N, C-alpha and C. Protein backbone atom coordinates (compact mmCIF):
# COMPACT_ATOMS: atom_id res chain seq x y z
N MET A 1 -31.24 17.99 -95.30
CA MET A 1 -31.10 17.17 -94.18
C MET A 1 -30.37 17.87 -92.76
N ARG A 2 -30.75 18.04 -92.33
CA ARG A 2 -30.47 19.09 -91.01
C ARG A 2 -29.04 18.43 -90.33
N PRO A 3 -28.25 19.51 -89.90
CA PRO A 3 -27.20 19.02 -89.08
C PRO A 3 -27.57 18.50 -87.75
N GLN A 4 -27.20 17.77 -86.95
CA GLN A 4 -27.40 16.89 -86.25
C GLN A 4 -26.23 17.86 -84.60
N THR A 5 -28.00 18.04 -84.13
CA THR A 5 -27.45 19.23 -82.82
C THR A 5 -26.99 18.02 -81.49
N LEU A 6 -26.75 19.10 -80.80
CA LEU A 6 -25.50 18.22 -79.23
C LEU A 6 -26.96 18.20 -78.47
N CYS A 7 -27.37 16.85 -78.28
CA CYS A 7 -28.64 16.81 -77.73
C CYS A 7 -28.12 15.43 -77.35
N SER A 8 -27.86 14.75 -77.73
CA SER A 8 -27.29 13.12 -77.07
C SER A 8 -26.35 13.16 -75.85
N PRO A 9 -26.90 12.20 -74.56
CA PRO A 9 -25.28 12.15 -73.67
C PRO A 9 -24.36 11.84 -74.44
N ARG A 10 -24.49 11.01 -75.59
CA ARG A 10 -22.92 10.50 -75.71
C ARG A 10 -22.32 11.68 -76.41
N ASN A 11 -22.75 12.15 -77.36
CA ASN A 11 -22.13 13.50 -77.88
C ASN A 11 -21.64 15.05 -77.08
N SER A 12 -23.14 14.80 -75.38
CA SER A 12 -21.90 15.71 -74.76
C SER A 12 -21.09 15.25 -74.01
N ARG A 13 -20.91 14.25 -73.53
CA ARG A 13 -19.80 13.05 -73.25
C ARG A 13 -18.30 13.45 -73.79
N LEU A 14 -18.88 13.28 -75.13
CA LEU A 14 -17.45 13.18 -76.22
C LEU A 14 -17.32 14.88 -76.50
N LEU A 15 -17.96 15.77 -76.24
CA LEU A 15 -17.41 17.31 -76.29
C LEU A 15 -16.62 17.20 -75.24
N VAL A 16 -17.10 17.27 -73.63
CA VAL A 16 -16.58 17.27 -72.47
C VAL A 16 -14.82 16.44 -73.01
N ALA A 17 -15.30 15.90 -73.39
CA ALA A 17 -13.62 15.33 -72.95
C ALA A 17 -12.92 15.40 -73.95
N ALA A 18 -13.04 15.95 -75.08
CA ALA A 18 -11.95 16.87 -76.09
C ALA A 18 -11.74 18.32 -75.36
N MET A 19 -12.63 18.87 -74.88
CA MET A 19 -12.15 20.05 -74.11
C MET A 19 -11.29 19.55 -73.20
N LEU A 20 -11.28 18.94 -72.27
CA LEU A 20 -10.40 18.33 -71.37
C LEU A 20 -8.77 18.03 -71.93
N TRP A 21 -9.16 17.40 -73.06
CA TRP A 21 -8.02 16.87 -74.13
C TRP A 21 -7.50 17.88 -74.19
N LEU A 22 -8.26 19.05 -74.64
CA LEU A 22 -7.08 20.27 -75.24
C LEU A 22 -7.04 21.02 -74.24
N LEU A 23 -7.36 21.43 -73.00
CA LEU A 23 -6.88 21.93 -72.06
C LEU A 23 -5.64 21.35 -71.53
N GLY A 24 -5.83 19.65 -71.80
CA GLY A 24 -4.68 19.01 -70.74
C GLY A 24 -3.31 19.43 -72.21
N GLY A 25 -3.92 19.18 -73.05
CA GLY A 25 -2.62 18.79 -74.16
C GLY A 25 -2.13 20.66 -74.08
N ALA A 26 -2.66 21.24 -73.85
CA ALA A 26 -2.25 23.19 -74.26
C ALA A 26 -1.69 23.02 -72.71
N ALA A 27 -1.96 22.48 -71.75
CA ALA A 27 -1.05 22.99 -70.45
C ALA A 27 0.28 22.33 -70.66
N LEU A 28 0.15 20.74 -71.43
CA LEU A 28 1.93 20.16 -71.30
C LEU A 28 2.45 20.69 -72.71
N LEU A 29 2.12 21.20 -73.02
CA LEU A 29 2.34 21.83 -74.41
C LEU A 29 3.49 23.41 -73.94
N LEU A 30 2.71 24.32 -72.83
CA LEU A 30 3.27 25.39 -72.53
C LEU A 30 3.97 25.47 -71.31
N THR A 31 3.57 24.15 -69.93
CA THR A 31 4.91 24.06 -69.36
C THR A 31 6.12 23.22 -69.91
N THR A 32 6.02 22.76 -70.78
CA THR A 32 7.13 22.70 -71.53
C THR A 32 7.27 21.00 -71.20
N LEU A 33 6.54 20.36 -70.61
CA LEU A 33 6.63 18.93 -70.18
C LEU A 33 6.93 18.22 -71.77
N VAL A 34 5.90 18.77 -72.45
CA VAL A 34 6.43 17.65 -73.68
C VAL A 34 6.95 18.99 -74.93
N PRO A 35 7.75 19.19 -75.62
CA PRO A 35 7.85 19.73 -76.95
C PRO A 35 7.19 19.27 -77.74
N LEU A 36 7.09 20.54 -77.94
CA LEU A 36 6.18 20.86 -79.61
C LEU A 36 6.02 20.25 -80.37
N ARG A 37 8.11 20.18 -81.18
CA ARG A 37 8.29 19.48 -82.24
C ARG A 37 10.15 18.67 -81.26
N THR A 38 10.01 17.66 -81.96
CA THR A 38 11.05 16.47 -81.96
C THR A 38 11.82 15.97 -82.80
N ASP A 39 13.08 15.99 -82.91
CA ASP A 39 13.64 15.12 -84.41
C ASP A 39 13.24 14.18 -84.65
N LEU A 40 12.81 13.09 -83.17
CA LEU A 40 12.31 11.47 -83.56
C LEU A 40 10.32 11.82 -84.10
N LEU A 41 10.41 12.39 -83.70
CA LEU A 41 8.25 12.67 -84.15
C LEU A 41 7.84 13.32 -84.90
N GLY A 42 9.02 14.84 -84.87
CA GLY A 42 8.45 15.98 -85.62
C GLY A 42 7.54 16.57 -85.28
N TRP A 43 6.15 17.17 -85.89
CA TRP A 43 5.14 17.77 -85.25
C TRP A 43 4.41 16.97 -84.30
N THR A 44 4.55 15.65 -84.49
CA THR A 44 3.72 14.19 -83.88
C THR A 44 2.94 14.96 -82.44
N PRO A 45 3.60 15.59 -81.84
CA PRO A 45 3.34 15.95 -80.21
C PRO A 45 2.26 17.18 -80.60
N ALA A 46 2.59 17.84 -80.93
CA ALA A 46 1.46 18.91 -80.90
C ALA A 46 -0.07 18.95 -82.06
N PHE A 47 0.79 17.47 -83.21
CA PHE A 47 -1.08 17.51 -83.78
C PHE A 47 -1.77 17.08 -82.28
N TRP A 48 -1.61 15.70 -82.15
CA TRP A 48 -2.48 14.84 -80.85
C TRP A 48 -2.62 15.85 -80.21
N LEU A 49 -1.97 16.66 -79.97
CA LEU A 49 -2.07 17.26 -78.47
C LEU A 49 -3.04 17.97 -78.88
N LEU A 50 -2.99 19.03 -79.24
CA LEU A 50 -3.91 20.47 -79.83
C LEU A 50 -4.61 20.18 -81.38
N GLY A 51 -4.14 19.93 -82.35
CA GLY A 51 -5.02 19.25 -83.89
C GLY A 51 -5.79 18.20 -83.45
N ALA A 52 -5.47 17.46 -82.99
CA ALA A 52 -6.69 16.10 -83.50
C ALA A 52 -7.90 16.69 -82.37
N PRO A 53 -7.72 17.24 -80.72
CA PRO A 53 -8.61 17.48 -80.06
C PRO A 53 -9.58 18.80 -80.59
N LEU A 54 -8.70 19.34 -81.85
CA LEU A 54 -9.83 20.41 -81.92
C LEU A 54 -10.25 20.14 -83.15
N ALA A 55 -9.99 19.03 -84.00
CA ALA A 55 -10.98 18.15 -84.85
C ALA A 55 -12.13 17.54 -84.33
N VAL A 56 -11.29 16.89 -83.56
CA VAL A 56 -12.91 16.70 -82.50
C VAL A 56 -13.76 17.78 -82.00
N LEU A 57 -13.81 18.67 -81.75
CA LEU A 57 -15.04 19.65 -81.38
C LEU A 57 -15.12 19.99 -82.53
N LEU A 58 -14.75 19.91 -83.70
CA LEU A 58 -15.46 21.03 -85.14
C LEU A 58 -16.43 20.10 -85.77
N VAL A 59 -15.89 18.62 -85.57
CA VAL A 59 -16.73 18.10 -85.85
C VAL A 59 -18.24 17.51 -84.91
N LEU A 60 -18.09 17.67 -83.78
CA LEU A 60 -18.76 17.90 -82.31
C LEU A 60 -19.91 18.62 -82.34
N GLU A 61 -18.99 20.17 -82.77
CA GLU A 61 -20.24 20.95 -82.81
C GLU A 61 -19.14 22.26 -83.85
N PRO A 62 -19.90 22.03 -85.03
CA PRO A 62 -19.38 22.99 -86.12
C PRO A 62 -19.59 24.86 -85.95
N ALA A 63 -20.39 25.01 -84.89
CA ALA A 63 -20.69 26.44 -85.03
C ALA A 63 -19.79 26.67 -83.78
N LEU A 64 -19.02 25.89 -83.26
CA LEU A 64 -18.56 26.58 -81.99
C LEU A 64 -17.47 28.06 -82.54
N PRO A 65 -16.52 27.53 -83.37
CA PRO A 65 -15.92 29.14 -84.11
C PRO A 65 -16.82 30.32 -83.92
N ARG A 66 -18.00 29.82 -84.67
CA ARG A 66 -18.38 31.38 -84.88
C ARG A 66 -19.12 31.80 -83.68
N GLN A 67 -19.80 30.88 -82.68
CA GLN A 67 -20.21 31.08 -81.45
C GLN A 67 -19.10 32.30 -80.27
N LEU A 68 -18.12 31.27 -80.40
CA LEU A 68 -16.73 32.05 -79.94
C LEU A 68 -16.04 33.47 -80.63
N PHE A 69 -16.67 33.45 -81.58
CA PHE A 69 -15.91 35.03 -82.56
C PHE A 69 -17.12 35.80 -82.04
N ALA A 70 -18.27 35.48 -81.91
CA ALA A 70 -19.75 36.29 -81.90
C ALA A 70 -19.16 36.60 -80.01
N LEU A 71 -18.82 36.03 -79.18
CA LEU A 71 -18.54 36.37 -77.99
C LEU A 71 -17.05 37.15 -77.71
N CYS A 72 -15.91 36.59 -78.58
CA CYS A 72 -14.94 37.73 -78.54
C CYS A 72 -14.81 39.04 -78.77
N ARG A 73 -16.04 39.29 -80.03
CA ARG A 73 -16.08 40.50 -80.70
C ARG A 73 -17.19 41.83 -80.00
N PRO A 74 -16.87 42.70 -79.81
CA PRO A 74 -17.07 44.09 -78.62
C PRO A 74 -18.39 44.10 -79.05
N GLN A 75 -19.17 44.38 -78.52
CA GLN A 75 -20.77 44.58 -78.33
C GLN A 75 -20.53 46.17 -78.69
N ARG A 76 -21.56 46.60 -80.29
CA ARG A 76 -22.04 47.94 -80.43
C ARG A 76 -22.66 48.60 -80.21
N ARG A 77 -22.70 49.37 -79.20
CA ARG A 77 -24.02 50.27 -78.65
C ARG A 77 -24.56 51.50 -79.42
N PRO A 78 -25.84 51.60 -79.47
CA PRO A 78 -26.52 52.27 -80.47
C PRO A 78 -26.04 54.10 -79.71
N LEU A 79 -26.02 55.00 -80.22
CA LEU A 79 -25.90 56.08 -80.34
C LEU A 79 -26.97 56.64 -79.55
N ARG A 80 -26.81 57.47 -78.43
CA ARG A 80 -28.30 57.75 -77.77
C ARG A 80 -28.67 59.26 -78.37
N GLY A 81 -27.70 59.37 -78.55
CA GLY A 81 -27.92 61.21 -79.10
C GLY A 81 -26.89 61.68 -80.24
N SER A 82 -27.61 62.73 -80.84
CA SER A 82 -26.42 62.88 -82.48
C SER A 82 -26.03 63.85 -82.03
N ALA A 83 -24.79 63.90 -82.28
CA ALA A 83 -23.31 64.87 -82.02
C ALA A 83 -23.70 66.24 -82.40
N TRP A 84 -24.62 65.92 -83.92
CA TRP A 84 -25.09 67.29 -84.57
C TRP A 84 -26.25 68.18 -84.05
N HIS A 85 -26.38 69.17 -83.02
CA HIS A 85 -27.35 69.77 -82.37
C HIS A 85 -27.41 70.59 -83.83
């Protein structure tokens, strides 16, 4: 069974919605409009603003972390000449 690729418009809309949800939640937590943890709710705000959209993104696009890691890793350049003459 092959993994499903992101080809349907429904999946792409869900992916965009999850990314916007994650960005909005991160902005709310960084600006401290919503606290990361409360006495009444515990870690619930952090989960619903960061954890849940990350889970949705990983379900929709399982290769995303590997692709992001490849982008962040510096590219190795081949040596043009030998240092030993």
